């Protein structure tokens, strides 16, 4: 093999150049993909804001040219910014349907479009958003600046919808992060051997290899960083092929640049021999590397299949356990359903028995009410038989200062009282008849007992009147109201009658409802006056006319 001094370049530099070009192409592809994603995002938001009909000129996934042409008129941009910030563009020049018919229609439309774009750019600049040039909407303009402005407007709209708290800032272009993968080859790999074969004899070359190891490792990682495992062999074959082409191209260029030498020159022969051996070795190493990669992929597939089998067995076991749980739940549900049906049957039986019991109670209550009504009628008939008008007589006892006075009451019998008077006043003995006579020793309770049945007749709908009459000092007030020092034992007929009235009403509140009203009148000198009226001295009782 020829000495390394015959070459003006190293194998490592060739590999580095190939990797740099590959990485540059990959970077351009990524940038184009990121730009397309941002453009699609902006177009989707514009179509959402103005509607599909309003954005008919803007496709959902437009190219750069379609995106520029769709926004060239400025109508979509002005309508969107007015929705985000109402009144941002005070006047939007709509497209005229008659412009095509007029000779200068094209010029007029271009002027209208320029007016819309200018108004939009002024409004965006006032809002503090990234702008672009009006020329960017023409052919050859920078579409990326238009996309950046649209996405900034979208970010501003979302900030306002969330309440607009704090200061709005646009973050600009955010590149999607890709998961990093570290691919490190061992020194024994065929690819590494093929790169180092050219430099094993020279200490100078070893130093160069050490300097290039770091950069080569970084480049290889950058190229293989986001590649899937099944894409690695194809990529390696492509890189090796490009390395060989570049290597052969550089050797040919070096040979061409040197002076012509005879055909039998040892240097040319050595170079040709070196190139042939290098090419063969590289191809062998390429095949060996491909075989190693395939073996690794095959081993990885076997491990992956075993993992899938283990997961499948685990899923089957979980499925069987779930089936058993479902069967247990079904059994529990059946038992619960049977118990509920039994409880429902018992419940209906109890409801039926309760209904029959309530029906019997209703029948008994109906009979009770009939008996009660009959008793009420009989009671009132007895009261009628006793007389509608009853007159009682109560003999007032002597007061303390009248203890020595002569008693004119001669005899008190059943309903008859005899009175002796001096002959000078008339007949000496006179008798009077009453329904009942209460002697001087009769209590307030005894007097009320004969009037108590009349209170019940009041609640049955009968009119009852109880009043006392007699000369002054005969005890009328004492009988009807009681003494000044009123106690429960000396209450008069009025208090006792009202108390009994409310007591009976309370006892019957479950059956009847009574309304009680009170009137107080005065009959004096043949005049009736309302004592509850504020002007009772002059106002006469309304039921009488004089």
Protein backbone atom coordinates (compact mmCIF):
# COMPACT_ATOMS: atom_id res chain seq x y z
CA UNK A 1 0.00 0.00 0.00
CA UNK A 2 1.36 3.44 -0.86
CA UNK A 3 2.68 5.86 1.66
CA UNK A 4 0.24 8.47 3.00
CA UNK A 5 2.53 11.28 1.86
CA UNK A 6 1.41 10.73 -1.73
CA UNK A 7 -2.08 12.12 -0.84
CA UNK A 8 -2.74 15.75 0.01
CA UNK A 9 -5.89 14.92 2.00
CA UNK A 10 -7.02 12.44 4.63
CA UNK A 11 -9.89 9.96 4.63
CA UNK A 12 -11.30 11.70 7.70
CA UNK A 13 -11.59 15.00 5.85
CA UNK A 14 -13.45 13.26 3.03
CA UNK A 15 -15.93 11.71 5.47
CA UNK A 16 -16.35 15.04 7.25
CA UNK A 17 -17.15 16.87 4.01
CA UNK A 18 -19.71 14.24 3.00
CA UNK A 19 -21.37 14.36 6.43
CA UNK A 20 -21.46 18.17 6.36
CA UNK A 21 -23.19 18.20 2.99
CA UNK A 22 -25.65 15.52 4.12
CA UNK A 23 -26.41 17.44 7.30
CA UNK A 24 -26.87 20.67 5.34
CA UNK A 25 -29.37 18.98 3.01
CA UNK A 26 -31.19 17.48 5.99
CA UNK A 27 -31.28 20.88 7.71
CA UNK A 28 -32.75 22.52 4.60
CA UNK A 29 -35.42 19.83 4.47
CA UNK A 30 -36.29 20.40 8.11
CA UNK A 31 -36.49 24.12 7.66
CA UNK A 32 -38.80 23.71 4.69
CA UNK A 33 -40.98 21.31 6.68
CA UNK A 34 -41.13 23.68 9.67
CA UNK A 35 -42.02 26.59 7.38
CA UNK A 36 -44.81 24.53 5.79
CA UNK A 37 -46.20 23.59 9.23
CA UNK A 38 -46.23 27.24 10.32
CA UNK A 39 -47.87 28.24 7.02
CA UNK A 40 -50.58 25.57 7.41
CA UNK A 41 -51.21 26.72 11.00
CA UNK A 42 -51.64 30.34 9.92
CA UNK A 43 -53.93 29.39 7.00
CA UNK A 44 -56.10 27.20 9.26
CA UNK A 45 -56.53 30.04 11.76
CA UNK A 46 -57.41 32.57 9.04
CA UNK A 47 -60.00 30.20 7.56
CA UNK A 48 -61.47 29.65 11.01
CA UNK A 49 -61.75 33.38 11.69
CA UNK A 50 -63.39 34.48 8.41
CA UNK A 51 -65.13 31.20 7.55
CA UNK A 52 -64.70 28.86 4.64
CA UNK A 53 -66.70 31.11 2.29
CA UNK A 54 -64.70 34.21 3.19
CA UNK A 55 -61.43 32.28 2.77
CA UNK A 56 -62.36 30.56 -0.48
CA UNK A 57 -59.14 31.86 -2.12
CA UNK A 58 -56.97 30.40 0.66
CA UNK A 59 -56.52 26.56 0.68
CA UNK A 60 -56.26 24.66 3.95
CA UNK A 61 -52.66 23.56 3.20
CA UNK A 62 -51.36 26.16 0.75
CA UNK A 63 -47.97 26.37 -0.89
CA UNK A 64 -45.96 29.57 -0.56
CA UNK A 65 -47.39 30.88 -3.83
CA UNK A 66 -50.99 29.92 -2.91
CA UNK A 67 -50.58 31.51 0.52
CA UNK A 68 -49.30 34.75 -1.01
CA UNK A 69 -52.03 34.89 -3.69
CA UNK A 70 -54.79 34.13 -1.15
CA UNK A 71 -53.76 37.10 1.02
CA UNK A 72 -52.75 39.44 -1.81
CA UNK A 73 -56.12 41.25 -1.90
CA UNK A 74 -55.87 42.13 1.81
CA UNK A 75 -59.57 41.33 2.39
CA UNK A 76 -58.90 38.31 4.61
CA UNK A 77 -56.23 40.15 6.62
CA UNK A 78 -58.42 43.23 7.21
CA UNK A 79 -61.48 41.17 8.20
CA UNK A 80 -59.44 39.05 10.61
CA UNK A 81 -57.76 42.00 12.36
CA UNK A 82 -61.16 43.71 12.74
CA UNK A 83 -62.45 40.59 14.49
CA UNK A 84 -59.42 40.44 16.78
CA UNK A 85 -59.33 44.21 17.41
CA UNK A 86 -62.64 45.81 16.33
CA UNK A 87 -62.19 49.04 14.42
CA UNK A 88 -58.50 48.45 13.67
CA UNK A 89 -59.17 48.99 9.94
CA UNK A 90 -61.93 51.54 9.58
CA UNK A 91 -62.48 51.00 5.87
CA UNK A 92 -62.08 47.71 4.02
CA UNK A 93 -62.13 48.03 0.22
CA UNK A 94 -64.26 45.14 -1.05
CA UNK A 95 -63.68 43.59 -4.46
CA UNK A 96 -65.96 45.09 -7.12
CA UNK A 97 -67.95 42.73 -9.31
CA UNK A 98 -68.00 45.30 -12.15
CA UNK A 99 -64.26 45.82 -12.24
CA UNK A 100 -63.78 43.09 -14.80
CA UNK A 101 -66.16 44.80 -17.20
CA UNK A 102 -64.43 48.19 -17.01
CA UNK A 103 -61.28 48.83 -19.09
CA UNK A 104 -59.23 49.89 -16.10
CA UNK A 105 -60.64 47.19 -13.82
CA UNK A 106 -57.27 45.47 -13.30
CA UNK A 107 -55.58 48.68 -12.27
CA UNK A 108 -58.47 49.59 -9.97
CA UNK A 109 -58.34 46.13 -8.30
CA UNK A 110 -54.58 46.40 -7.79
CA UNK A 111 -55.07 49.81 -6.18
CA UNK A 112 -57.84 48.43 -3.94
CA UNK A 113 -55.65 45.51 -2.88
CA UNK A 114 -52.74 47.83 -2.13
CA UNK A 115 -55.05 50.04 -0.04
CA UNK A 116 -56.22 47.04 2.05
CA UNK A 117 -52.67 45.79 2.57
CA UNK A 118 -51.44 49.26 3.56
CA UNK A 119 -54.31 49.72 6.07
CA UNK A 120 -53.61 46.29 7.54
CA UNK A 121 -49.88 46.97 7.95
CA UNK A 122 -50.58 50.33 9.63
CA UNK A 123 -53.00 48.68 12.10
CA UNK A 124 -50.54 45.86 12.86
CA UNK A 125 -47.73 48.34 13.48
CA UNK A 126 -49.94 50.37 15.85
CA UNK A 127 -50.75 47.19 17.80
CA UNK A 128 -47.03 46.46 18.19
CA UNK A 129 -47.08 43.21 16.19
CA UNK A 130 -44.42 41.99 13.72
CA UNK A 131 -45.07 43.39 10.23
CA UNK A 132 -43.96 42.70 6.67
CA UNK A 133 -43.50 44.72 3.51
CA UNK A 134 -46.32 45.23 1.03
CA UNK A 135 -43.96 43.86 -1.63
CA UNK A 136 -43.91 40.52 0.21
CA UNK A 137 -47.42 39.93 -1.15
CA UNK A 138 -46.06 40.15 -4.69
CA UNK A 139 -44.19 37.46 -6.56
CA UNK A 140 -40.73 36.89 -5.10
CA UNK A 141 -41.66 38.31 -1.69
CA UNK A 142 -40.72 36.76 1.65
CA UNK A 143 -43.63 34.56 2.64
CA UNK A 144 -42.00 33.76 6.00
CA UNK A 145 -42.53 37.34 7.21
CA UNK A 146 -46.25 37.18 6.27
CA UNK A 147 -46.61 33.87 8.14
CA UNK A 148 -44.81 35.31 11.17
CA UNK A 149 -47.19 38.31 11.21
CA UNK A 150 -50.29 36.07 10.96
CA UNK A 151 -49.09 33.80 13.79
CA UNK A 152 -48.32 36.86 15.94
CA UNK A 153 -51.87 38.11 15.34
CA UNK A 154 -53.17 34.64 16.28
CA UNK A 155 -51.13 34.69 19.52
CA UNK A 156 -52.46 38.19 20.31
CA UNK A 157 -56.05 37.02 19.73
CA UNK A 158 -55.60 34.04 22.07
CA UNK A 159 -54.06 36.36 24.70
CA UNK A 160 -57.11 38.65 24.52
CA UNK A 161 -59.54 35.71 24.78
CA UNK A 162 -57.87 34.56 28.03
CA UNK A 163 -58.51 37.96 29.63
CA UNK A 164 -55.53 40.00 28.40
CA UNK A 165 -53.71 39.93 31.76
CA UNK A 166 -50.13 41.17 31.87
CA UNK A 167 -48.07 42.26 28.87
CA UNK A 168 -48.45 40.43 25.57
CA UNK A 169 -45.26 39.14 24.00
CA UNK A 170 -44.81 37.14 20.82
CA UNK A 171 -42.25 34.37 21.15
CA UNK A 172 -41.47 34.18 17.43
CA UNK A 173 -40.50 30.97 15.67
CA UNK A 174 -40.36 27.97 17.94
CA UNK A 175 -38.60 25.01 16.44
CA UNK A 176 -40.03 21.63 17.31
CA UNK A 177 -37.81 19.71 19.61
CA UNK A 178 -36.72 16.27 18.51
CA UNK A 179 -35.69 13.52 20.89
CA UNK A 180 -31.95 13.11 20.93
CA UNK A 181 -30.43 9.78 20.11
CA UNK A 182 -26.80 8.90 20.75
CA UNK A 183 -25.22 6.60 18.20
CA UNK A 184 -21.64 5.72 19.14
CA UNK A 185 -19.65 3.20 17.16
CA UNK A 186 -16.95 1.05 18.71
CA UNK A 187 -13.41 1.23 17.37
CA UNK A 188 -13.76 -2.29 16.09
CA UNK A 189 -16.61 -1.41 13.67
CA UNK A 190 -15.81 -1.98 10.00
CA UNK A 191 -16.67 1.60 9.09
CA UNK A 192 -14.18 2.92 11.64
CA UNK A 193 -11.55 0.49 10.39
CA UNK A 194 -12.04 1.64 6.82
CA UNK A 195 -11.52 5.25 7.88
CA UNK A 196 -8.34 4.46 9.83
CA UNK A 197 -6.59 2.08 7.43
CA UNK A 198 -5.05 4.91 5.48
CA UNK A 199 -3.36 6.40 8.55
CA UNK A 200 -2.02 3.52 10.65
CA UNK A 201 1.60 3.89 9.48
CA UNK A 202 2.05 7.62 10.10
CA UNK A 203 2.29 9.25 13.55
CA UNK A 204 1.34 12.56 11.97
CA UNK A 205 -1.85 11.05 10.68
CA UNK A 206 -2.63 9.61 14.12
CA UNK A 207 -2.49 13.11 15.55
CA UNK A 208 -4.82 14.34 12.82
CA UNK A 209 -7.24 11.48 13.54
CA UNK A 210 -7.35 12.44 17.20
CA UNK A 211 -8.19 16.00 16.22
CA UNK A 212 -10.96 14.87 13.86
CA UNK A 213 -12.47 12.20 16.18
CA UNK A 214 -14.56 14.74 18.07
CA UNK A 215 -15.91 16.51 14.99
CA UNK A 216 -16.63 13.24 13.14
CA UNK A 217 -18.48 11.82 16.15
CA UNK A 218 -20.55 14.99 16.42
CA UNK A 219 -21.41 14.95 12.71
CA UNK A 220 -22.38 11.25 12.76
CA UNK A 221 -24.64 11.83 15.76
CA UNK A 222 -26.25 14.85 14.12
CA UNK A 223 -26.96 12.87 10.93
CA UNK A 224 -28.33 9.78 12.71
CA UNK A 225 -30.03 11.67 15.56
CA UNK A 226 -33.66 11.55 14.37
CA UNK A 227 -33.46 8.41 12.22
CA UNK A 228 -35.37 5.23 13.00
CA UNK A 229 -33.41 1.97 13.49
CA UNK A 230 -34.64 0.49 10.23
CA UNK A 231 -33.43 3.60 8.33
CA UNK A 232 -29.84 3.38 9.62
CA UNK A 233 -28.54 0.66 7.19
CA UNK A 234 -29.87 2.44 4.13
CA UNK A 235 -28.41 5.74 5.31
CA UNK A 236 -25.02 4.13 6.04
CA UNK A 237 -24.88 2.56 2.59
CA UNK A 238 -25.71 5.90 1.02
CA UNK A 239 -23.05 7.71 3.08
CA UNK A 240 -20.40 5.10 2.30
CA UNK A 241 -21.19 5.34 -1.39
CA UNK A 242 -20.88 9.12 -1.27
CA UNK A 243 -17.60 8.86 0.67
CA UNK A 244 -16.15 6.53 -1.97
CA UNK A 245 -17.28 8.80 -4.78
CA UNK A 246 -15.77 11.84 -3.07
CA UNK A 247 -12.55 9.95 -2.34
CA UNK A 248 -12.19 8.81 -5.94
CA UNK A 249 -13.02 12.31 -7.16
CA UNK A 250 -10.31 13.86 -4.97
CA UNK A 251 -7.70 11.32 -6.03
CA UNK A 252 -8.54 11.93 -9.67
CA UNK A 253 -8.32 15.67 -9.13
CA UNK A 254 -4.94 15.31 -7.43
CA UNK A 255 -3.62 13.15 -10.23
CA UNK A 256 -4.83 15.66 -12.81
CA UNK A 257 -3.22 18.54 -10.96
CA UNK A 258 0.20 16.89 -10.84
CA UNK A 259 2.67 16.84 -13.71
CA UNK A 260 2.38 14.10 -16.30
CA UNK A 261 4.73 11.20 -15.62
CA UNK A 262 5.65 8.22 -17.76
CA UNK A 263 3.31 5.35 -17.77
CA UNK A 264 5.84 3.13 -16.13
CA UNK A 265 6.44 5.69 -13.34
CA UNK A 266 6.58 4.02 -9.91
CA UNK A 267 4.54 6.83 -8.33
CA UNK A 268 1.62 6.48 -10.74
CA UNK A 269 1.71 2.73 -10.45
CA UNK A 270 1.75 3.00 -6.68
CA UNK A 271 -1.19 5.42 -6.73
CA UNK A 272 -3.22 3.18 -8.96
CA UNK A 273 -2.43 0.17 -6.85
CA UNK A 274 -3.26 2.13 -3.70
CA UNK A 275 -6.56 3.35 -5.16
CA UNK A 276 -7.54 -0.12 -6.27
CA UNK A 277 -6.75 -1.66 -2.89
CA UNK A 278 -8.51 1.16 -1.09
CA UNK A 279 -11.63 0.80 -3.21
CA UNK A 280 -11.75 -2.95 -2.73
CA UNK A 281 -11.16 -2.68 1.00
CA UNK A 282 -13.86 -0.03 1.31
CA UNK A 283 -16.37 -2.18 -0.56
CA UNK A 284 -15.54 -5.18 1.62
CA UNK A 285 -15.84 -3.09 4.75
CA UNK A 286 -19.10 -1.66 3.42
CA UNK A 287 -20.54 -5.13 2.95
CA UNK A 288 -19.27 -6.22 6.35
CA UNK A 289 -20.83 -3.16 7.98
CA UNK A 290 -24.15 -3.86 6.26
CA UNK A 291 -24.02 -7.49 7.45
CA UNK A 292 -23.30 -6.38 11.03
CA UNK A 293 -26.15 -3.87 10.94
CA UNK A 294 -28.54 -6.49 9.56
CA UNK A 295 -27.50 -8.92 12.29
CA UNK A 296 -28.13 -6.29 14.94
CA UNK A 297 -31.52 -5.48 13.44
CA UNK A 298 -32.37 -9.20 13.27
CA UNK A 299 -31.37 -9.65 16.91
CA UNK A 300 -33.40 -6.60 17.87
CA UNK A 301 -36.42 -7.99 15.98
CA UNK A 302 -36.10 -11.29 17.85
CA UNK A 303 -35.99 -9.48 21.18
CA UNK A 304 -38.94 -7.36 20.08
CA UNK A 305 -40.94 -10.47 19.12
CA UNK A 306 -40.21 -12.07 22.49
CA UNK A 307 -41.33 -8.89 24.25
CA UNK A 308 -44.54 -8.90 22.20
CA UNK A 309 -45.16 -12.55 23.15
CA UNK A 310 -44.66 -11.76 26.85
CA UNK A 311 -47.04 -8.82 26.59
CA UNK A 312 -49.56 -11.00 24.74
CA UNK A 313 -49.43 -13.64 27.49
CA UNK A 314 -49.78 -10.92 30.12
CA UNK A 315 -52.78 -9.46 28.29
CA UNK A 316 -54.37 -12.92 28.02
CA UNK A 317 -53.97 -13.44 31.77
CA UNK A 318 -55.48 -10.03 32.45
CA UNK A 319 -58.34 -10.84 30.06
CA UNK A 320 -59.05 -14.13 31.86
CA UNK A 321 -59.03 -12.33 35.22
CA UNK A 322 -61.44 -9.73 33.87
CA UNK A 323 -63.72 -12.47 32.54
CA UNK A 324 -63.79 -14.08 35.99
CA UNK A 325 -64.57 -10.71 37.59
CA UNK A 326 -67.37 -10.17 35.07
CA UNK A 327 -68.87 -13.57 35.88
CA UNK A 328 -68.72 -12.77 39.59
CA UNK A 329 -70.41 -9.43 38.95
CA UNK A 330 -73.11 -11.17 36.92
CA UNK A 331 -73.74 -13.58 39.79
CA UNK A 332 -73.90 -10.71 42.27
CA UNK A 333 -76.25 -8.81 39.97
CA UNK A 334 -78.53 -11.85 39.65
CA UNK A 335 -78.63 -12.31 43.43
CA UNK A 336 -79.31 -8.62 43.97
CA UNK A 337 -82.04 -8.65 41.33
CA UNK A 338 -83.73 -11.64 42.98
CA UNK A 339 -83.57 -9.93 46.37
CA UNK A 340 -85.01 -6.71 44.96
CA UNK A 341 -87.87 -8.60 43.31
CA UNK A 342 -88.64 -10.33 46.64
CA UNK A 343 -88.54 -6.97 48.47
CA UNK A 344 -90.76 -5.43 45.79
CA UNK A 345 -93.28 -8.25 46.21
CA UNK A 346 -93.31 -7.79 50.00
CA UNK A 347 -93.62 -4.05 49.56
CA UNK A 348 -96.67 -4.39 47.33
CA UNK A 349 -98.25 -6.80 49.81
CA UNK A 350 -97.69 -4.33 52.66
CA UNK A 351 -99.08 -1.50 50.54
CA UNK A 352 -102.17 -3.60 49.81
CA UNK A 353 -102.68 -4.44 53.49
CA UNK A 354 -102.14 -0.81 54.45
CA UNK A 355 -104.70 0.27 51.85
CA UNK A 356 -107.25 -2.14 53.24
CA UNK A 357 -106.53 -0.91 56.75
CA UNK A 358 -106.90 2.72 55.67
CA UNK A 359 -110.15 1.83 53.92
CA UNK A 360 -111.45 0.31 57.15
CA UNK A 361 -110.38 3.39 59.08
CA UNK A 362 -112.12 5.61 56.55
CA UNK A 363 -115.29 3.55 56.89
CA UNK A 364 -115.07 3.73 60.69
CA UNK A 365 -114.43 7.47 60.55
CA UNK A 366 -117.44 7.90 58.29
CA UNK A 367 -119.59 6.00 60.79
CA UNK A 368 -118.13 8.02 63.62
CA UNK A 369 -119.01 11.26 61.87
CA UNK A 370 -122.54 10.02 61.26
CA UNK A 371 -122.93 9.13 64.95
CA UNK A 372 -121.38 12.46 65.91
CA UNK A 373 -123.83 14.32 63.69
CA UNK A 374 -126.74 12.39 65.17
CA UNK A 375 -125.54 13.16 68.71
CA UNK A 376 -125.23 16.83 67.84
CA UNK A 377 -128.77 16.94 66.51
CA UNK A 378 -130.14 15.11 69.55
CA UNK A 379 -128.23 17.42 71.89
CA UNK A 380 -129.62 20.53 70.23
CA UNK A 381 -133.11 19.03 70.28
CA UNK A 382 -132.75 18.58 74.04
CA UNK A 383 -131.68 22.19 74.35
CA UNK A 384 -134.73 23.25 72.31
CA UNK A 385 -137.01 21.20 74.53
CA UNK A 386 -135.63 22.98 77.55
CA UNK A 387 -136.78 26.22 76.00
CA UNK A 388 -135.40 28.81 73.73
CA UNK A 389 -135.61 31.44 76.47
CA UNK A 390 -134.46 30.54 79.97
CA UNK A 391 -134.58 32.80 82.95
CA UNK A 392 -132.46 32.20 86.03
CA UNK A 393 -132.53 34.00 89.36
CA UNK A 394 -129.54 34.52 91.63
CA UNK A 395 -129.98 35.85 95.19
CA UNK A 396 -127.15 38.16 96.17
CA UNK A 397 -125.82 37.59 99.71
CA UNK A 398 -125.60 40.44 102.22
CA UNK A 399 -122.45 42.47 102.02
CA UNK A 400 -120.30 43.15 105.08
CA UNK A 401 -122.00 46.40 106.06
CA UNK A 402 -125.49 44.86 105.53
CA UNK A 403 -125.14 41.96 107.95
CA UNK A 404 -127.92 43.28 110.25
CA UNK A 405 -130.42 43.97 107.44
CA UNK A 406 -133.75 42.12 107.21
CA UNK A 407 -133.84 39.21 104.73
CA UNK A 408 -136.92 39.37 102.49
CA UNK A 409 -136.41 35.91 100.91
CA UNK A 410 -138.84 33.57 102.64
CA UNK A 411 -138.44 30.29 100.81
CA UNK A 412 -136.49 28.91 97.83
CA UNK A 413 -137.92 25.74 96.29
CA UNK A 414 -137.47 23.98 92.91
CA UNK A 415 -137.85 26.87 90.48
CA UNK A 416 -139.91 29.01 92.92
CA UNK A 417 -138.88 31.77 95.27
CA UNK A 418 -141.15 33.43 97.92
CA UNK A 419 -140.54 36.98 99.16
CA UNK A 420 -142.05 38.64 102.27
CA UNK A 421 -142.55 42.38 102.13
CA UNK A 422 -143.90 44.77 104.80
CA UNK A 423 -147.67 45.34 104.52
CA UNK A 424 -147.21 49.00 103.93
CA UNK A 425 -145.57 48.28 100.57
CA UNK A 426 -148.29 45.98 99.35
CA UNK A 427 -149.11 42.31 99.57
CA UNK A 428 -147.11 40.68 102.32
CA UNK A 429 -145.99 37.47 100.50
CA UNK A 430 -145.29 36.97 96.79
CA UNK A 431 -143.96 33.99 94.81
CA UNK A 432 -142.00 33.95 91.51
CA UNK A 433 -141.14 31.03 89.16
CA UNK A 434 -137.84 30.62 87.18
CA UNK A 435 -136.05 27.87 85.30
CA UNK A 436 -133.61 27.67 88.17
CA UNK A 437 -132.83 29.71 91.28
CA UNK A 438 -129.31 30.13 92.73
CA UNK A 439 -129.18 30.91 96.44
CA UNK A 440 -126.81 33.29 98.22
CA UNK A 441 -124.25 30.51 98.68
CA UNK A 442 -124.06 29.56 94.94
CA UNK A 443 -120.55 29.85 93.38
CA UNK A 444 -119.57 31.25 89.97
CA UNK A 445 -118.88 27.70 88.72
CA UNK A 446 -122.38 26.52 89.68
CA UNK A 447 -123.97 29.46 87.86
CA UNK A 448 -121.97 28.70 84.71
CA UNK A 449 -122.72 24.97 84.65
CA UNK A 450 -126.32 25.63 83.50
CA UNK A 451 -125.13 27.84 80.65
CA UNK A 452 -122.22 25.58 79.54
CA UNK A 453 -124.35 23.43 77.15
CA UNK A 454 -125.29 26.56 75.22
CA UNK A 455 -121.62 27.06 74.25
CA UNK A 456 -121.68 23.78 72.34
CA UNK A 457 -124.82 24.91 70.53
CA UNK A 458 -122.94 28.04 69.44
CA UNK A 459 -120.31 25.86 67.69
CA UNK A 460 -123.10 23.89 66.02
CA UNK A 461 -124.47 27.04 64.40
CA UNK A 462 -127.06 28.27 66.89
CA UNK A 463 -127.35 31.85 68.08
CA UNK A 464 -127.04 32.17 71.87
CA UNK A 465 -127.45 35.30 73.98
CA UNK A 466 -126.59 35.46 77.69
CA UNK A 467 -127.24 38.68 79.58
CA UNK A 468 -128.05 39.79 83.16
CA UNK A 469 -130.61 42.38 84.24
CA UNK A 470 -131.68 43.82 87.58
CA UNK A 471 -131.54 46.87 89.72
CA UNK A 472 -128.36 48.69 90.54
CA UNK A 473 -126.19 46.79 93.03
CA UNK A 474 -127.98 43.47 92.51
CA UNK A 475 -124.75 41.71 91.31
CA UNK A 476 -125.04 41.73 87.49
CA UNK A 477 -121.38 42.65 86.88
CA UNK A 478 -120.20 40.15 89.47
CA UNK A 479 -122.15 37.33 87.80
CA UNK A 480 -121.14 38.14 84.22
CA UNK A 481 -117.49 39.23 84.73
CA UNK A 482 -116.39 38.68 88.33
CA UNK A 483 -114.85 40.85 91.03
CA UNK A 484 -112.07 43.34 90.49
CA UNK A 485 -109.46 40.93 91.84
CA UNK A 486 -110.07 38.32 89.17
CA UNK A 487 -108.89 34.74 89.69
CA UNK A 488 -109.64 31.48 87.95
CA UNK A 489 -112.14 30.46 90.64
CA UNK A 490 -114.17 33.71 90.67
CA UNK A 491 -114.36 34.36 86.91
CA UNK A 492 -117.80 35.31 85.64
CA UNK A 493 -119.96 33.80 82.91
CA UNK A 494 -118.38 35.85 80.10
CA UNK A 495 -114.81 34.68 80.78
CA UNK A 496 -115.85 31.09 81.35
CA UNK A 497 -118.01 31.01 78.19
CA UNK A 498 -115.19 32.35 76.00
CA UNK A 499 -112.69 29.93 77.56
CA UNK A 500 -115.01 26.98 76.95
CA UNK A 501 -115.65 28.21 73.40
CA UNK A 502 -111.95 28.25 72.50
CA UNK A 503 -111.39 24.91 74.26
CA UNK A 504 -114.04 23.18 72.13
CA UNK A 505 -112.69 24.84 68.98
CA UNK A 506 -109.20 23.53 69.79
CA UNK A 507 -110.54 20.02 70.36
CA UNK A 508 -112.34 20.04 67.00
CA UNK A 509 -109.58 21.69 64.90
CA UNK A 510 -108.86 18.40 63.15
CA UNK A 511 -112.49 18.26 61.93
CA UNK A 512 -113.78 21.82 61.83
CA UNK A 513 -112.27 25.26 61.47
CA UNK A 514 -113.90 28.14 63.35
CA UNK A 515 -113.58 31.90 62.91
CA UNK A 516 -114.18 33.91 66.09
CA UNK A 517 -115.01 37.62 66.09
CA UNK A 518 -115.91 39.89 69.02
CA UNK A 519 -118.32 42.82 69.36
CA UNK A 520 -118.96 44.92 72.42
CA UNK A 521 -122.09 47.05 72.56
CA UNK A 522 -123.88 49.10 75.20
CA UNK A 523 -127.64 49.36 75.67
CA UNK A 524 -128.39 52.37 77.78
CA UNK A 525 -131.47 54.58 77.86
CA UNK A 526 -132.91 52.65 74.95
CA UNK A 527 -129.81 53.34 72.81
CA UNK A 528 -127.31 50.80 71.47
CA UNK A 529 -123.68 51.96 71.02
CA UNK A 530 -120.57 50.23 69.62
CA UNK A 531 -118.00 50.24 72.42
CA UNK A 532 -115.13 49.22 70.10
CA UNK A 533 -115.54 52.26 67.83
CA UNK A 534 -113.10 55.14 68.35
CA UNK A 535 -115.98 57.67 68.47
CA UNK A 536 -118.28 55.46 70.53
CA UNK A 537 -119.83 58.44 72.33
CA UNK A 538 -121.51 59.66 69.16
CA UNK A 539 -121.60 56.64 66.89
CA UNK A 540 -124.60 54.38 67.25
CA UNK A 541 -124.57 50.70 66.53
CA UNK A 542 -124.99 50.20 62.73
CA UNK A 543 -127.65 47.52 62.91
CA UNK A 544 -130.21 49.91 64.34
CA UNK A 545 -131.73 53.06 63.00
CA UNK A 546 -133.42 55.60 65.25
